[in-house]
């Protein structure tokens, strides 16, 4: 799916389906960040996490809704809880549980694969942005210095909160991070494999 985005050849209805699931995902992602923020151990951590939360609520959710509208979708037709794809549901439950039940560091370990990977995906694509404006704008949202700077702060915070000498903590952080990495891959696969909702939807 990422290769098709880079080439500008991904069918628009496939990207629309991604945004329909991703808006709902981001809503719970924001709730999970809020749970981790409540466990911030100091003012510095609170500052970083509050800006992380603002990035999702004030920038990414509105941008996803705008992309959805550009692709012919509507916020009024977003899936309800019963219509969430099992991957979306499973991933968000994992995040909410990790951030509610675990420490601030454990919540961050679960949250970071999403934030971190989007910057890693977008940066190489910035060297040859596709002509399709939807894909170009999506890439630019993550392939910029401001986004990179926030990722550096959140990953730096986890580095500060994690203690490599604490084998138990290290094991928990590694497990949570690995589960989220698996869900990230499955989310892309789910979106790419999803069939169009109807045969008369726009194709490319």
N, C-alpha and C. Protein backbone atom coordinates (compact mmCIF):
# COMPACT_ATOMS: atom_id res chain seq x y z
N UNK A 1 0.83 -1.20 0.00
CA UNK A 1 0.00 0.00 0.00
C UNK A 1 0.87 1.26 0.00
N UNK A 2 1.93 1.23 0.78
CA UNK A 2 2.81 2.40 0.84
C UNK A 2 3.48 2.63 -0.52
N UNK A 3 3.88 1.56 -1.18
CA UNK A 3 4.49 1.70 -2.51
C UNK A 3 3.49 2.30 -3.50
N UNK A 4 2.22 1.91 -3.40
CA UNK A 4 1.20 2.46 -4.28
C UNK A 4 0.93 3.93 -3.98
N UNK A 5 0.97 4.31 -2.70
CA UNK A 5 0.85 5.73 -2.34
C UNK A 5 2.00 6.51 -2.95
N UNK A 6 3.21 5.98 -2.83
CA UNK A 6 4.39 6.66 -3.37
C UNK A 6 4.29 6.85 -4.87
N UNK A 7 3.72 5.87 -5.55
CA UNK A 7 3.58 5.95 -7.00
C UNK A 7 2.35 6.75 -7.43
N UNK A 8 1.46 7.04 -6.49
CA UNK A 8 0.21 7.73 -6.82
C UNK A 8 -0.78 6.86 -7.54
N UNK A 9 -0.63 5.54 -7.41
CA UNK A 9 -1.49 4.60 -8.14
C UNK A 9 -2.51 3.90 -7.26
N UNK A 10 -2.50 4.15 -5.97
CA UNK A 10 -3.47 3.50 -5.08
C UNK A 10 -4.88 3.96 -5.45
N UNK A 11 -5.82 3.04 -5.61
CA UNK A 11 -7.20 3.45 -5.90
C UNK A 11 -7.73 4.38 -4.81
N UNK A 12 -8.40 5.42 -5.22
CA UNK A 12 -8.91 6.38 -4.24
C UNK A 12 -9.86 5.73 -3.24
N UNK A 13 -10.67 4.77 -3.68
CA UNK A 13 -11.61 4.14 -2.74
C UNK A 13 -10.87 3.34 -1.68
N UNK A 14 -9.67 2.82 -2.00
CA UNK A 14 -8.89 2.11 -1.00
C UNK A 14 -8.39 3.08 0.06
N UNK A 15 -7.91 4.24 -0.36
CA UNK A 15 -7.43 5.24 0.59
C UNK A 15 -8.60 5.78 1.41
N UNK A 16 -9.77 5.92 0.78
CA UNK A 16 -10.94 6.35 1.53
C UNK A 16 -11.29 5.36 2.64
N UNK A 17 -11.23 4.07 2.33
CA UNK A 17 -11.49 3.07 3.36
C UNK A 17 -10.48 3.11 4.49
N UNK A 18 -9.23 3.40 4.14
CA UNK A 18 -8.20 3.57 5.17
C UNK A 18 -8.57 4.71 6.11
N UNK A 19 -8.98 5.85 5.57
CA UNK A 19 -9.31 7.00 6.42
C UNK A 19 -10.55 6.73 7.27
N UNK A 20 -11.51 6.00 6.74
CA UNK A 20 -12.70 5.69 7.53
C UNK A 20 -12.34 4.91 8.79
N UNK A 21 -11.42 3.97 8.66
CA UNK A 21 -10.96 3.23 9.84
C UNK A 21 -10.00 4.07 10.67
N UNK A 22 -9.16 4.86 10.00
CA UNK A 22 -8.09 5.56 10.72
C UNK A 22 -8.62 6.70 11.59
N UNK A 23 -9.69 7.35 11.17
CA UNK A 23 -10.28 8.38 12.03
C UNK A 23 -10.71 7.77 13.36
N UNK A 24 -11.38 6.63 13.29
CA UNK A 24 -11.81 5.97 14.52
C UNK A 24 -10.60 5.49 15.33
N UNK A 25 -9.59 4.99 14.63
CA UNK A 25 -8.36 4.59 15.32
C UNK A 25 -7.75 5.80 16.05
N UNK A 26 -7.64 6.93 15.36
CA UNK A 26 -6.99 8.10 15.96
C UNK A 26 -7.76 8.63 17.17
N UNK A 27 -9.07 8.50 17.15
CA UNK A 27 -9.84 8.94 18.31
C UNK A 27 -9.43 8.14 19.56
N UNK A 28 -9.30 6.83 19.41
CA UNK A 28 -8.87 6.03 20.55
C UNK A 28 -7.38 6.19 20.82
N UNK A 29 -6.60 6.46 19.78
CA UNK A 29 -5.17 6.75 19.98
C UNK A 29 -5.02 7.98 20.86
N UNK A 30 -5.82 9.01 20.61
CA UNK A 30 -5.78 10.21 21.45
C UNK A 30 -6.17 9.89 22.89
N UNK A 31 -7.18 9.06 23.07
CA UNK A 31 -7.57 8.68 24.43
C UNK A 31 -6.44 7.92 25.13
N UNK A 32 -5.74 7.07 24.38
CA UNK A 32 -4.63 6.33 24.97
C UNK A 32 -3.49 7.27 25.36
N UNK A 33 -3.19 8.25 24.52
CA UNK A 33 -2.15 9.23 24.87
C UNK A 33 -2.56 9.98 26.14
N UNK A 34 -3.83 10.32 26.24
CA UNK A 34 -4.31 11.03 27.44
C UNK A 34 -4.10 10.18 28.69
N UNK A 35 -4.33 8.88 28.59
CA UNK A 35 -4.09 8.00 29.73
C UNK A 35 -2.61 7.98 30.11
N UNK A 36 -1.74 7.93 29.11
CA UNK A 36 -0.30 7.96 29.39
C UNK A 36 0.12 9.30 29.97
N UNK A 37 -0.47 10.38 29.46
CA UNK A 37 -0.14 11.72 29.95
C UNK A 37 -0.48 11.86 31.43
N UNK A 38 -1.59 11.25 31.84
CA UNK A 38 -1.99 11.33 33.25
C UNK A 38 -0.96 10.69 34.17
N UNK A 39 -0.09 9.84 33.63
CA UNK A 39 0.94 9.16 34.43
C UNK A 39 2.32 9.78 34.23
N UNK A 40 2.38 10.93 33.57
CA UNK A 40 3.66 11.59 33.35
C UNK A 40 4.36 11.83 34.68
N UNK A 41 5.63 11.42 34.82
CA UNK A 41 6.30 11.52 36.11
C UNK A 41 6.82 12.91 36.47
N UNK A 42 6.89 13.81 35.49
CA UNK A 42 7.43 15.14 35.77
C UNK A 42 6.93 16.13 34.72
N UNK A 43 7.27 17.39 34.91
CA UNK A 43 6.77 18.45 34.03
C UNK A 43 7.28 18.29 32.60
N UNK A 44 8.51 17.84 32.45
CA UNK A 44 9.05 17.65 31.11
C UNK A 44 8.28 16.60 30.33
N UNK A 45 7.98 15.48 30.98
CA UNK A 45 7.20 14.43 30.33
C UNK A 45 5.79 14.91 30.02
N UNK A 46 5.20 15.66 30.94
CA UNK A 46 3.87 16.20 30.73
C UNK A 46 3.83 17.12 29.52
N UNK A 47 4.86 17.92 29.35
CA UNK A 47 4.93 18.84 28.21
C UNK A 47 5.00 18.08 26.89
N UNK A 48 5.88 17.10 26.82
CA UNK A 48 6.03 16.33 25.58
C UNK A 48 4.74 15.59 25.24
N UNK A 49 4.16 14.92 26.21
CA UNK A 49 2.97 14.12 25.95
C UNK A 49 1.76 14.99 25.61
N UNK A 50 1.66 16.16 26.22
CA UNK A 50 0.53 17.03 25.90
C UNK A 50 0.64 17.55 24.47
N UNK A 51 1.85 17.79 24.00
CA UNK A 51 2.02 18.22 22.61
C UNK A 51 1.81 17.06 21.63
N UNK A 52 2.18 15.87 22.03
CA UNK A 52 1.89 14.66 21.27
C UNK A 52 0.37 14.51 21.09
N UNK A 53 -0.36 14.69 22.18
CA UNK A 53 -1.82 14.59 22.14
C UNK A 53 -2.41 15.68 21.24
N UNK A 54 -1.88 16.88 21.35
CA UNK A 54 -2.39 17.98 20.52
C UNK A 54 -2.15 17.72 19.04
N UNK A 55 -1.03 17.11 18.69
CA UNK A 55 -0.75 16.77 17.30
C UNK A 55 -1.86 15.88 16.72
N UNK A 56 -2.32 14.94 17.52
CA UNK A 56 -3.36 14.02 17.05
C UNK A 56 -4.71 14.73 16.98
N UNK A 57 -5.08 15.43 18.04
CA UNK A 57 -6.41 16.01 18.14
C UNK A 57 -6.58 17.24 17.25
N UNK A 58 -5.56 18.10 17.21
CA UNK A 58 -5.69 19.37 16.49
C UNK A 58 -5.20 19.31 15.05
N UNK A 59 -4.37 18.32 14.73
CA UNK A 59 -3.81 18.25 13.37
C UNK A 59 -4.25 16.99 12.62
N UNK A 60 -3.96 15.83 13.17
CA UNK A 60 -4.16 14.61 12.38
C UNK A 60 -5.62 14.20 12.22
N UNK A 61 -6.42 14.31 13.26
CA UNK A 61 -7.83 13.95 13.10
C UNK A 61 -8.52 14.90 12.11
N UNK A 62 -8.37 16.23 12.25
CA UNK A 62 -8.97 17.10 11.24
C UNK A 62 -8.44 16.85 9.83
N UNK A 63 -7.14 16.58 9.71
CA UNK A 63 -6.57 16.30 8.39
C UNK A 63 -7.15 15.02 7.80
N UNK A 64 -7.31 13.99 8.62
CA UNK A 64 -7.89 12.74 8.13
C UNK A 64 -9.33 12.95 7.67
N UNK A 65 -10.08 13.74 8.39
CA UNK A 65 -11.45 14.04 7.98
C UNK A 65 -11.47 14.83 6.67
N UNK A 66 -10.52 15.73 6.51
CA UNK A 66 -10.43 16.50 5.25
C UNK A 66 -10.05 15.60 4.09
N UNK A 67 -9.10 14.70 4.30
CA UNK A 67 -8.75 13.75 3.24
C UNK A 67 -9.95 12.88 2.89
N UNK A 68 -10.67 12.43 3.89
CA UNK A 68 -11.84 11.60 3.66
C UNK A 68 -12.85 12.33 2.78
N UNK A 69 -13.08 13.60 3.06
CA UNK A 69 -14.02 14.38 2.26
C UNK A 69 -13.51 14.57 0.83
N UNK A 70 -12.21 14.81 0.68
CA UNK A 70 -11.64 14.97 -0.66
C UNK A 70 -11.80 13.70 -1.49
N UNK A 71 -11.87 12.56 -0.83
CA UNK A 71 -11.98 11.28 -1.51
C UNK A 71 -13.43 10.79 -1.64
N UNK A 72 -14.37 11.67 -1.32
CA UNK A 72 -15.77 11.33 -1.51
C UNK A 72 -16.45 10.73 -0.30
N UNK A 73 -15.76 10.69 0.83
CA UNK A 73 -16.35 10.17 2.05
C UNK A 73 -16.99 11.26 2.88
N UNK A 74 -17.45 10.88 4.05
CA UNK A 74 -18.13 11.83 4.92
C UNK A 74 -17.97 11.42 6.37
N UNK A 75 -17.78 12.41 7.23
CA UNK A 75 -17.71 12.14 8.67
C UNK A 75 -19.01 11.54 9.19
N UNK A 76 -20.12 11.81 8.49
CA UNK A 76 -21.42 11.29 8.91
C UNK A 76 -21.56 9.80 8.65
N UNK A 77 -20.64 9.24 7.82
CA UNK A 77 -20.75 7.82 7.48
C UNK A 77 -19.57 7.01 8.02
N UNK A 78 -18.94 7.51 9.06
CA UNK A 78 -17.85 6.75 9.67
C UNK A 78 -18.40 5.50 10.36
N UNK A 79 -17.62 4.44 10.39
CA UNK A 79 -18.12 3.20 11.01
C UNK A 79 -18.32 3.36 12.51
N UNK A 80 -19.40 2.77 13.00
CA UNK A 80 -19.61 2.72 14.44
C UNK A 80 -18.81 1.59 15.04
N UNK A 81 -18.88 1.41 16.36
CA UNK A 81 -18.07 0.36 17.02
C UNK A 81 -18.28 -1.02 16.43
N UNK A 82 -19.50 -1.35 16.06
CA UNK A 82 -19.78 -2.68 15.54
C UNK A 82 -19.23 -2.89 14.13
N UNK A 83 -18.92 -1.77 13.43
CA UNK A 83 -18.43 -1.87 12.06
C UNK A 83 -16.92 -1.69 11.95
N UNK A 84 -16.25 -1.54 13.08
CA UNK A 84 -14.80 -1.44 13.03
C UNK A 84 -14.20 -2.74 12.53
N UNK A 85 -13.17 -2.63 11.71
CA UNK A 85 -12.47 -3.83 11.28
C UNK A 85 -11.82 -4.46 12.52
N UNK A 86 -11.75 -5.80 12.58
CA UNK A 86 -11.13 -6.44 13.75
C UNK A 86 -9.72 -5.96 14.05
N UNK A 87 -8.95 -5.60 13.03
CA UNK A 87 -7.60 -5.08 13.28
C UNK A 87 -7.68 -3.73 13.98
N UNK A 88 -8.55 -2.85 13.51
CA UNK A 88 -8.72 -1.54 14.15
C UNK A 88 -9.15 -1.72 15.60
N UNK A 89 -10.12 -2.59 15.81
CA UNK A 89 -10.62 -2.83 17.17
C UNK A 89 -9.52 -3.41 18.06
N UNK A 90 -8.82 -4.43 17.56
CA UNK A 90 -7.78 -5.07 18.36
C UNK A 90 -6.64 -4.12 18.69
N UNK A 91 -6.23 -3.33 17.71
CA UNK A 91 -5.11 -2.40 17.92
C UNK A 91 -5.48 -1.35 18.96
N UNK A 92 -6.67 -0.76 18.82
CA UNK A 92 -7.05 0.28 19.78
C UNK A 92 -7.25 -0.28 21.18
N UNK A 93 -7.78 -1.50 21.30
CA UNK A 93 -7.93 -2.09 22.64
C UNK A 93 -6.56 -2.33 23.27
N UNK A 94 -5.60 -2.77 22.45
CA UNK A 94 -4.23 -2.97 22.94
C UNK A 94 -3.66 -1.66 23.48
N UNK A 95 -3.82 -0.58 22.73
CA UNK A 95 -3.27 0.71 23.16
C UNK A 95 -3.93 1.21 24.43
N UNK A 96 -5.24 1.16 24.46
CA UNK A 96 -5.96 1.65 25.63
C UNK A 96 -5.61 0.83 26.87
N UNK A 97 -5.50 -0.47 26.73
CA UNK A 97 -5.14 -1.31 27.88
C UNK A 97 -3.72 -1.02 28.34
N UNK A 98 -2.78 -0.92 27.40
CA UNK A 98 -1.38 -0.67 27.77
C UNK A 98 -1.23 0.65 28.52
N UNK A 99 -1.95 1.66 28.05
CA UNK A 99 -1.81 2.99 28.67
C UNK A 99 -2.59 3.12 29.97
N UNK A 100 -3.65 2.35 30.11
CA UNK A 100 -4.42 2.39 31.36
C UNK A 100 -3.78 1.53 32.44
N UNK A 101 -3.31 0.35 32.07
CA UNK A 101 -2.81 -0.61 33.06
C UNK A 101 -1.34 -0.45 33.36
N UNK A 102 -0.58 0.11 32.41
CA UNK A 102 0.86 0.16 32.57
C UNK A 102 1.37 1.52 33.02
N UNK A 103 2.67 1.62 33.11
CA UNK A 103 3.33 2.88 33.47
C UNK A 103 3.33 3.83 32.28
N UNK A 104 3.80 5.04 32.50
CA UNK A 104 3.94 6.00 31.40
C UNK A 104 4.88 5.44 30.34
N UNK A 105 5.98 4.85 30.75
CA UNK A 105 6.94 4.28 29.79
C UNK A 105 6.30 3.15 29.00
N UNK A 106 5.50 2.31 29.67
CA UNK A 106 4.85 1.20 28.97
C UNK A 106 3.82 1.72 27.97
N UNK A 107 3.09 2.75 28.35
CA UNK A 107 2.15 3.35 27.41
C UNK A 107 2.87 3.91 26.19
N UNK A 108 3.98 4.60 26.41
CA UNK A 108 4.76 5.15 25.30
C UNK A 108 5.28 4.05 24.39
N UNK A 109 5.73 2.95 24.96
CA UNK A 109 6.25 1.85 24.15
C UNK A 109 5.17 1.32 23.22
N UNK A 110 3.92 1.29 23.68
CA UNK A 110 2.82 0.84 22.84
C UNK A 110 2.44 1.89 21.80
N UNK A 111 2.52 3.16 22.16
CA UNK A 111 2.08 4.25 21.30
C UNK A 111 3.07 4.59 20.19
N UNK A 112 4.36 4.47 20.45
CA UNK A 112 5.35 5.03 19.54
C UNK A 112 5.45 4.37 18.16
N UNK A 113 5.23 3.07 18.01
CA UNK A 113 5.35 2.53 16.65
C UNK A 113 4.48 3.23 15.62
N UNK A 114 3.31 3.69 16.00
CA UNK A 114 2.45 4.41 15.07
C UNK A 114 3.09 5.76 14.70
N UNK A 115 3.35 6.58 15.68
CA UNK A 115 3.90 7.91 15.41
C UNK A 115 5.24 7.82 14.70
N UNK A 116 6.12 7.00 15.20
CA UNK A 116 7.48 6.90 14.70
C UNK A 116 7.50 6.38 13.26
N UNK A 117 6.71 5.34 12.98
CA UNK A 117 6.76 4.71 11.66
C UNK A 117 6.25 5.63 10.56
N UNK A 118 5.30 6.51 10.85
CA UNK A 118 4.79 7.39 9.80
C UNK A 118 5.86 8.37 9.33
N UNK A 119 6.67 8.85 10.24
CA UNK A 119 7.79 9.69 9.82
C UNK A 119 8.80 8.91 9.00
N UNK A 120 9.07 7.67 9.41
CA UNK A 120 10.02 6.82 8.68
C UNK A 120 9.49 6.47 7.29
N UNK A 121 8.20 6.30 7.16
CA UNK A 121 7.60 6.03 5.86
C UNK A 121 7.66 7.26 4.96
N UNK A 122 7.32 8.41 5.52
CA UNK A 122 7.18 9.62 4.69
C UNK A 122 8.51 10.19 4.22
N UNK A 123 9.53 10.12 5.04
CA UNK A 123 10.80 10.78 4.67
C UNK A 123 11.34 10.32 3.32
N UNK A 124 11.47 9.02 3.04
CA UNK A 124 11.97 8.61 1.72
C UNK A 124 11.05 9.04 0.59
N UNK A 125 9.74 9.11 0.85
CA UNK A 125 8.79 9.48 -0.20
C UNK A 125 8.87 10.95 -0.56
N UNK A 126 9.45 11.76 0.33
CA UNK A 126 9.58 13.19 0.05
C UNK A 126 10.55 13.48 -1.10
N UNK A 127 11.38 12.53 -1.44
CA UNK A 127 12.34 12.76 -2.53
C UNK A 127 11.67 12.73 -3.90
N UNK A 128 10.49 12.12 -4.01
CA UNK A 128 9.77 12.06 -5.29
C UNK A 128 8.28 12.00 -5.00
N UNK A 129 7.72 13.14 -4.62
CA UNK A 129 6.31 13.21 -4.23
C UNK A 129 5.43 12.99 -5.46
N UNK A 130 4.41 12.12 -5.36
CA UNK A 130 3.56 11.85 -6.53
C UNK A 130 2.76 13.08 -6.95
N UNK A 131 2.32 13.06 -8.20
CA UNK A 131 1.57 14.19 -8.74
C UNK A 131 0.17 14.29 -8.13
N UNK A 132 -0.41 13.16 -7.76
CA UNK A 132 -1.74 13.17 -7.17
C UNK A 132 -1.71 14.01 -5.89
N UNK A 133 -2.52 15.08 -5.82
CA UNK A 133 -2.41 15.99 -4.66
C UNK A 133 -2.80 15.36 -3.34
N UNK A 134 -3.70 14.38 -3.35
CA UNK A 134 -4.08 13.73 -2.10
C UNK A 134 -2.89 13.00 -1.51
N UNK A 135 -2.21 12.21 -2.33
CA UNK A 135 -1.07 11.46 -1.83
C UNK A 135 0.10 12.38 -1.49
N UNK A 136 0.28 13.42 -2.29
CA UNK A 136 1.36 14.38 -2.02
C UNK A 136 1.13 15.08 -0.68
N UNK A 137 -0.09 15.51 -0.42
CA UNK A 137 -0.37 16.22 0.83
C UNK A 137 -0.25 15.29 2.03
N UNK A 138 -0.68 14.03 1.87
CA UNK A 138 -0.55 13.07 2.96
C UNK A 138 0.92 12.84 3.30
N UNK A 139 1.75 12.66 2.31
CA UNK A 139 3.19 12.45 2.55
C UNK A 139 3.80 13.65 3.25
N UNK A 140 3.45 14.85 2.80
CA UNK A 140 4.03 16.08 3.39
C UNK A 140 3.60 16.28 4.84
N UNK A 141 2.45 15.73 5.22
CA UNK A 141 1.99 15.88 6.60
C UNK A 141 2.94 15.22 7.59
N UNK A 142 3.61 14.15 7.15
CA UNK A 142 4.52 13.43 8.03
C UNK A 142 5.99 13.61 7.66
N UNK A 143 6.27 14.04 6.45
CA UNK A 143 7.66 14.15 6.01
C UNK A 143 8.22 15.54 6.16
N UNK A 144 8.11 16.10 7.35
CA UNK A 144 8.58 17.47 7.57
C UNK A 144 9.36 17.56 8.88
N UNK A 145 10.10 18.63 9.03
CA UNK A 145 10.99 18.79 10.18
C UNK A 145 10.23 18.91 11.50
N UNK A 146 9.06 19.54 11.47
CA UNK A 146 8.29 19.69 12.71
C UNK A 146 7.83 18.34 13.23
N UNK A 147 7.36 17.47 12.32
CA UNK A 147 6.93 16.14 12.73
C UNK A 147 8.13 15.35 13.26
N UNK A 148 9.25 15.43 12.54
CA UNK A 148 10.45 14.72 12.99
C UNK A 148 10.88 15.17 14.38
N UNK A 149 10.76 16.47 14.64
CA UNK A 149 11.17 17.00 15.94
C UNK A 149 10.31 16.44 17.07
N UNK A 150 9.00 16.32 16.82
CA UNK A 150 8.12 15.77 17.86
C UNK A 150 8.43 14.29 18.10
N UNK A 151 8.69 13.54 17.01
CA UNK A 151 9.06 12.13 17.17
C UNK A 151 10.35 12.01 17.98
N UNK A 152 11.30 12.89 17.72
CA UNK A 152 12.55 12.86 18.48
C UNK A 152 12.30 13.11 19.96
N UNK A 153 11.33 13.97 20.27
CA UNK A 153 11.02 14.24 21.68
C UNK A 153 10.32 13.07 22.35
N UNK A 154 9.36 12.45 21.66
CA UNK A 154 8.65 11.34 22.28
C UNK A 154 9.54 10.11 22.42
N UNK A 155 10.34 9.82 21.41
CA UNK A 155 11.25 8.68 21.54
C UNK A 155 12.33 8.98 22.58
N UNK A 156 12.76 10.24 22.65
CA UNK A 156 13.72 10.62 23.67
C UNK A 156 13.16 10.48 25.07
N UNK A 157 11.86 10.77 25.21
CA UNK A 157 11.23 10.60 26.52
C UNK A 157 11.22 9.13 26.93
N UNK A 158 10.91 8.24 25.98
CA UNK A 158 10.94 6.82 26.33
C UNK A 158 12.36 6.39 26.71
N UNK A 159 13.34 6.88 25.98
CA UNK A 159 14.73 6.58 26.35
C UNK A 159 15.03 7.02 27.78
N UNK A 160 14.47 8.17 28.18
CA UNK A 160 14.73 8.69 29.52
C UNK A 160 14.01 7.86 30.58
N UNK A 161 12.81 7.40 30.27
CA UNK A 161 12.01 6.68 31.27
C UNK A 161 12.38 5.20 31.35
N UNK A 162 12.96 4.66 30.30
CA UNK A 162 13.32 3.24 30.28
C UNK A 162 14.67 3.03 30.95
N UNK A 163 14.81 1.94 31.67
CA UNK A 163 16.06 1.61 32.35
C UNK A 163 16.55 0.26 31.83
N UNK A 164 17.55 0.26 30.94
CA UNK A 164 18.04 -1.01 30.39
C UNK A 164 18.53 -1.98 31.45
N UNK A 165 18.87 -1.47 32.63
CA UNK A 165 19.33 -2.35 33.71
C UNK A 165 18.17 -3.08 34.40
N UNK A 166 16.95 -2.63 34.16
CA UNK A 166 15.77 -3.25 34.76
C UNK A 166 15.23 -4.27 33.76
N UNK A 167 15.60 -5.53 33.92
CA UNK A 167 15.25 -6.56 32.95
C UNK A 167 13.74 -6.73 32.82
N UNK A 168 13.03 -6.63 33.93
CA UNK A 168 11.59 -6.80 33.89
C UNK A 168 10.92 -5.69 33.09
N UNK A 169 11.32 -4.45 33.36
CA UNK A 169 10.76 -3.34 32.60
C UNK A 169 11.11 -3.46 31.12
N UNK A 170 12.36 -3.79 30.84
CA UNK A 170 12.83 -3.89 29.46
C UNK A 170 12.02 -4.94 28.70
N UNK A 171 11.71 -6.04 29.34
CA UNK A 171 10.92 -7.10 28.71
C UNK A 171 9.51 -6.63 28.41
N UNK A 172 8.91 -5.92 29.36
CA UNK A 172 7.55 -5.42 29.14
C UNK A 172 7.51 -4.39 28.02
N UNK A 173 8.47 -3.48 28.01
CA UNK A 173 8.51 -2.46 26.96
C UNK A 173 8.70 -3.09 25.59
N UNK A 174 9.60 -4.05 25.52
CA UNK A 174 9.87 -4.72 24.24
C UNK A 174 8.64 -5.45 23.72
N UNK A 175 7.91 -6.12 24.63
CA UNK A 175 6.71 -6.86 24.23
C UNK A 175 5.63 -5.92 23.71
N UNK A 176 5.40 -4.83 24.42
CA UNK A 176 4.37 -3.87 24.01
C UNK A 176 4.72 -3.23 22.66
N UNK A 177 5.98 -2.87 22.50
CA UNK A 177 6.43 -2.26 21.24
C UNK A 177 6.24 -3.24 20.09
N UNK A 178 6.61 -4.50 20.31
CA UNK A 178 6.51 -5.52 19.26
C UNK A 178 5.06 -5.78 18.87
N UNK A 179 4.16 -5.80 19.84
CA UNK A 179 2.75 -6.00 19.53
C UNK A 179 2.23 -4.85 18.66
N UNK A 180 2.60 -3.63 19.00
CA UNK A 180 2.15 -2.48 18.21
C UNK A 180 2.74 -2.50 16.81
N UNK A 181 3.99 -2.90 16.68
CA UNK A 181 4.60 -3.03 15.34
C UNK A 181 3.80 -4.02 14.50
N UNK A 182 3.42 -5.14 15.11
CA UNK A 182 2.63 -6.14 14.38
C UNK A 182 1.29 -5.56 13.94
N UNK A 183 0.64 -4.81 14.84
CA UNK A 183 -0.64 -4.20 14.48
C UNK A 183 -0.48 -3.14 13.39
N UNK A 184 0.62 -2.39 13.41
CA UNK A 184 0.85 -1.41 12.35
C UNK A 184 0.88 -2.10 10.99
N UNK A 185 1.63 -3.18 10.90
CA UNK A 185 1.70 -3.93 9.63
C UNK A 185 0.33 -4.46 9.24
N UNK A 186 -0.41 -4.99 10.21
CA UNK A 186 -1.72 -5.55 9.92
C UNK A 186 -2.72 -4.46 9.51
N UNK A 187 -2.57 -3.26 10.05
CA UNK A 187 -3.47 -2.17 9.69
C UNK A 187 -3.28 -1.80 8.21
N UNK A 188 -2.02 -1.69 7.77
CA UNK A 188 -1.75 -1.42 6.34
C UNK A 188 -2.30 -2.55 5.48
N UNK A 189 -2.06 -3.79 5.88
CA UNK A 189 -2.54 -4.93 5.10
C UNK A 189 -4.07 -4.95 5.04
N UNK A 190 -4.70 -4.63 6.16
CA UNK A 190 -6.15 -4.59 6.21
C UNK A 190 -6.70 -3.54 5.25
N UNK A 191 -6.13 -2.35 5.28
CA UNK A 191 -6.61 -1.26 4.42
C UNK A 191 -6.40 -1.59 2.94
N UNK A 192 -5.27 -2.19 2.62
CA UNK A 192 -4.95 -2.50 1.23
C UNK A 192 -5.83 -3.61 0.68
N UNK A 193 -6.21 -4.54 1.53
CA UNK A 193 -6.99 -5.69 1.08
C UNK A 193 -8.49 -5.43 1.06
N UNK A 194 -8.93 -4.34 1.70
CA UNK A 194 -10.36 -4.08 1.82
C UNK A 194 -10.99 -3.87 0.46
N UNK A 195 -12.12 -4.52 0.24
CA UNK A 195 -12.85 -4.38 -1.02
C UNK A 195 -13.62 -3.06 -1.02
N UNK A 196 -13.83 -2.44 -2.20
CA UNK A 196 -14.67 -1.25 -2.28
C UNK A 196 -16.07 -1.53 -1.75
N UNK A 197 -16.66 -0.50 -1.17
CA UNK A 197 -17.99 -0.69 -0.58
C UNK A 197 -19.06 -0.90 -1.65
N UNK A 198 -18.87 -0.35 -2.85
CA UNK A 198 -19.85 -0.52 -3.91
C UNK A 198 -19.13 -0.42 -5.25
N UNK A 199 -19.69 -1.06 -6.32
CA UNK A 199 -19.00 -1.08 -7.61
C UNK A 199 -18.98 0.25 -8.31
N UNK A 200 -19.82 1.21 -7.89
CA UNK A 200 -19.83 2.49 -8.60
C UNK A 200 -18.95 3.54 -7.93
N UNK A 201 -18.17 3.15 -6.91
CA UNK A 201 -17.26 4.11 -6.30
C UNK A 201 -16.13 4.44 -7.26
N UNK A 202 -15.56 5.61 -7.06
CA UNK A 202 -14.51 6.08 -7.95
C UNK A 202 -13.30 5.14 -7.92
N UNK A 203 -12.78 4.82 -9.05
CA UNK A 203 -11.53 4.06 -9.15
C UNK A 203 -10.51 4.86 -9.91
N UNK A 204 -9.28 4.31 -9.96
CA UNK A 204 -8.23 5.01 -10.68
C UNK A 204 -7.44 4.02 -11.48
